Amino acid sequence: MDIDFVFFHNQDMLQEIYKHKWIESEKAGYEIGLASAAWDWMTRYRPEWETRRNLSLAKSNQWVLHR
């Protein structure tokens, strides 16, 4: 999987990465760093997160279009 640093421009994704960084750092007992957290989150959670987010956005856009 290619990691494209799109998360720097997507605040929702960056927020998820920061949460992941905090959780994984707590588990490890030391600071894992943003790059490690981003790589781990992008490879483990990004596909599912994007699917859920896109569904949510599609539902909200339908509401706006049908107002």
N, C-alpha and C. Protein backbone atom coordinates (compact mmCIF):
# COMPACT_ATOMS: atom_id res chain seq x y z
N MET A 1 0.84 -1.18 0.00
CA MET A 1 0.00 0.00 0.00
C MET A 1 0.88 1.24 0.00
N ASP A 2 0.59 2.15 -0.91
CA ASP A 2 1.34 3.40 -0.94
C ASP A 2 0.74 4.36 0.07
N ILE A 3 1.58 4.92 0.89
CA ILE A 3 1.12 5.93 1.85
C ILE A 3 1.39 7.29 1.21
N ASP A 4 0.33 8.02 0.92
CA ASP A 4 0.45 9.32 0.27
C ASP A 4 0.27 10.36 1.36
N PHE A 5 0.68 11.09 1.89
CA PHE A 5 0.53 11.92 3.04
C PHE A 5 -0.71 12.82 2.98
N VAL A 6 -1.80 12.27 2.44
CA VAL A 6 -3.05 13.01 2.32
C VAL A 6 -3.59 13.40 3.69
N PHE A 7 -3.22 12.67 4.73
CA PHE A 7 -3.76 12.96 6.06
C PHE A 7 -3.36 14.34 6.55
N PHE A 8 -2.29 14.94 6.00
CA PHE A 8 -1.92 16.29 6.40
C PHE A 8 -2.97 17.31 5.96
N HIS A 9 -3.73 16.98 4.91
CA HIS A 9 -4.73 17.89 4.38
C HIS A 9 -6.15 17.52 4.83
N ASN A 10 -6.31 16.36 5.42
CA ASN A 10 -7.63 15.90 5.84
C ASN A 10 -7.68 15.92 7.37
N GLN A 11 -8.35 16.91 7.92
CA GLN A 11 -8.36 17.09 9.37
C GLN A 11 -9.05 15.94 10.10
N ASP A 12 -10.08 15.35 9.50
CA ASP A 12 -10.75 14.21 10.14
C ASP A 12 -9.81 13.02 10.26
N MET A 13 -9.07 12.77 9.19
CA MET A 13 -8.12 11.65 9.20
C MET A 13 -6.97 11.93 10.18
N LEU A 14 -6.48 13.15 10.18
CA LEU A 14 -5.39 13.51 11.09
C LEU A 14 -5.82 13.35 12.54
N GLN A 15 -7.06 13.71 12.84
CA GLN A 15 -7.58 13.54 14.20
C GLN A 15 -7.57 12.06 14.59
N GLU A 16 -7.99 11.19 13.67
CA GLU A 16 -7.97 9.75 13.94
C GLU A 16 -6.55 9.24 14.16
N ILE A 17 -5.62 9.75 13.40
CA ILE A 17 -4.21 9.33 13.55
C ILE A 17 -3.67 9.78 14.90
N TYR A 18 -4.01 11.00 15.32
CA TYR A 18 -3.55 11.45 16.63
C TYR A 18 -4.15 10.61 17.76
N LYS A 19 -5.42 10.23 17.63
CA LYS A 19 -6.02 9.34 18.63
C LYS A 19 -5.30 7.99 18.64
N HIS A 20 -5.02 7.47 17.46
CA HIS A 20 -4.32 6.19 17.34
C HIS A 20 -2.92 6.28 17.96
N LYS A 21 -2.24 7.39 17.71
CA LYS A 21 -0.90 7.62 18.27
C LYS A 21 -0.95 7.59 19.79
N TRP A 22 -1.95 8.26 20.37
CA TRP A 22 -2.07 8.30 21.82
C TRP A 22 -2.34 6.89 22.37
N ILE A 23 -3.28 6.17 21.77
CA ILE A 23 -3.62 4.82 22.24
C ILE A 23 -2.43 3.88 22.15
N GLU A 24 -1.77 3.88 21.00
CA GLU A 24 -0.63 2.97 20.81
C GLU A 24 0.56 3.36 21.68
N SER A 25 0.75 4.64 21.91
CA SER A 25 1.83 5.08 22.81
C SER A 25 1.55 4.64 24.24
N GLU A 26 0.30 4.72 24.66
CA GLU A 26 -0.06 4.24 25.99
C GLU A 26 0.20 2.74 26.12
N LYS A 27 -0.17 1.99 25.10
CA LYS A 27 0.06 0.54 25.13
C LYS A 27 1.55 0.22 25.19
N ALA A 28 2.35 0.95 24.40
CA ALA A 28 3.78 0.68 24.33
C ALA A 28 4.54 1.19 25.55
N GLY A 29 3.98 2.19 26.22
CA GLY A 29 4.66 2.77 27.37
C GLY A 29 5.67 3.84 26.98
N TYR A 30 5.68 4.25 25.72
CA TYR A 30 6.55 5.33 25.25
C TYR A 30 5.91 5.96 24.02
N GLU A 31 6.37 7.14 23.66
CA GLU A 31 5.85 7.87 22.51
C GLU A 31 6.27 7.18 21.22
N ILE A 32 5.30 6.76 20.40
CA ILE A 32 5.64 6.03 19.17
C ILE A 32 5.92 6.96 18.00
N GLY A 33 5.53 8.21 18.10
CA GLY A 33 5.79 9.17 17.04
C GLY A 33 4.69 9.22 16.00
N LEU A 34 4.55 10.38 15.38
CA LEU A 34 3.48 10.58 14.41
C LEU A 34 3.67 9.74 13.16
N ALA A 35 4.89 9.63 12.66
CA ALA A 35 5.12 8.86 11.43
C ALA A 35 4.75 7.39 11.63
N SER A 36 5.16 6.81 12.75
CA SER A 36 4.83 5.41 13.03
C SER A 36 3.33 5.23 13.21
N ALA A 37 2.70 6.15 13.90
CA ALA A 37 1.26 6.07 14.12
C ALA A 37 0.51 6.21 12.80
N ALA A 38 0.96 7.13 11.96
CA ALA A 38 0.30 7.35 10.67
C ALA A 38 0.43 6.10 9.80
N TRP A 39 1.62 5.56 9.71
CA TRP A 39 1.84 4.35 8.91
C TRP A 39 0.95 3.21 9.42
N ASP A 40 0.93 3.00 10.71
CA ASP A 40 0.15 1.91 11.30
C ASP A 40 -1.35 2.13 11.05
N TRP A 41 -1.85 3.33 11.30
CA TRP A 41 -3.26 3.62 11.13
C TRP A 41 -3.67 3.49 9.66
N MET A 42 -2.82 4.02 8.75
CA MET A 42 -3.15 3.97 7.32
C MET A 42 -3.21 2.53 6.82
N THR A 43 -2.32 1.69 7.29
CA THR A 43 -2.31 0.31 6.81
C THR A 43 -3.38 -0.55 7.48
N ARG A 44 -3.72 -0.24 8.73
CA ARG A 44 -4.68 -1.08 9.47
C ARG A 44 -6.12 -0.59 9.41
N TYR A 45 -6.32 0.73 9.44
CA TYR A 45 -7.67 1.25 9.65
C TYR A 45 -8.20 2.15 8.54
N ARG A 46 -7.37 2.70 7.70
CA ARG A 46 -7.83 3.67 6.70
C ARG A 46 -8.92 3.13 5.77
N PRO A 47 -8.77 1.94 5.18
CA PRO A 47 -9.80 1.49 4.25
C PRO A 47 -11.20 1.43 4.87
N GLU A 48 -11.30 0.86 6.07
CA GLU A 48 -12.60 0.77 6.74
C GLU A 48 -13.11 2.15 7.12
N TRP A 49 -12.23 3.01 7.61
CA TRP A 49 -12.61 4.35 8.01
C TRP A 49 -13.14 5.14 6.81
N GLU A 50 -12.44 5.03 5.65
CA GLU A 50 -12.89 5.74 4.46
C GLU A 50 -14.26 5.24 3.99
N THR A 51 -14.48 3.94 4.07
CA THR A 51 -15.77 3.38 3.66
C THR A 51 -16.88 3.94 4.54
N ARG A 52 -16.68 3.91 5.86
CA ARG A 52 -17.69 4.43 6.78
C ARG A 52 -17.90 5.93 6.58
N ARG A 53 -16.82 6.66 6.39
CA ARG A 53 -16.92 8.11 6.20
C ARG A 53 -17.62 8.45 4.89
N ASN A 54 -17.30 7.74 3.83
CA ASN A 54 -17.94 8.01 2.53
C ASN A 54 -19.43 7.71 2.58
N LEU A 55 -19.81 6.64 3.29
CA LEU A 55 -21.23 6.35 3.44
C LEU A 55 -21.93 7.46 4.21
N SER A 56 -21.30 7.93 5.24
CA SER A 56 -21.86 9.00 6.05
C SER A 56 -21.99 10.28 5.23
N LEU A 57 -20.99 10.61 4.45
CA LEU A 57 -21.04 11.81 3.62
C LEU A 57 -22.10 11.68 2.53
N ALA A 58 -22.23 10.50 1.96
CA ALA A 58 -23.23 10.28 0.93
C ALA A 58 -24.63 10.49 1.49
N LYS A 59 -24.87 9.98 2.69
CA LYS A 59 -26.18 10.16 3.33
C LYS A 59 -26.46 11.64 3.60
N SER A 60 -25.47 12.34 4.10
CA SER A 60 -25.68 13.76 4.40
C SER A 60 -25.86 14.57 3.12
N ASN A 61 -25.16 14.21 2.05
CA ASN A 61 -25.30 14.92 0.78
C ASN A 61 -26.67 14.67 0.17
N GLN A 62 -27.23 13.49 0.33
CA GLN A 62 -28.57 13.21 -0.18
C GLN A 62 -29.59 14.08 0.53
N TRP A 63 -29.42 14.27 1.81
CA TRP A 63 -30.34 15.11 2.56
C TRP A 63 -30.27 16.55 2.04
N VAL A 64 -29.07 17.02 1.81
CA VAL A 64 -28.90 18.39 1.33
C VAL A 64 -29.51 18.52 -0.06
N LEU A 65 -29.31 17.53 -0.93
CA LEU A 65 -29.83 17.60 -2.29
C LEU A 65 -31.36 17.54 -2.35
N HIS A 66 -31.98 16.89 -1.36
CA HIS A 66 -33.43 16.72 -1.38
C HIS A 66 -34.18 17.71 -0.50
N ARG A 67 -33.54 18.75 -0.06
CA ARG A 67 -34.18 19.77 0.77
C ARG A 67 -35.17 20.59 0.04
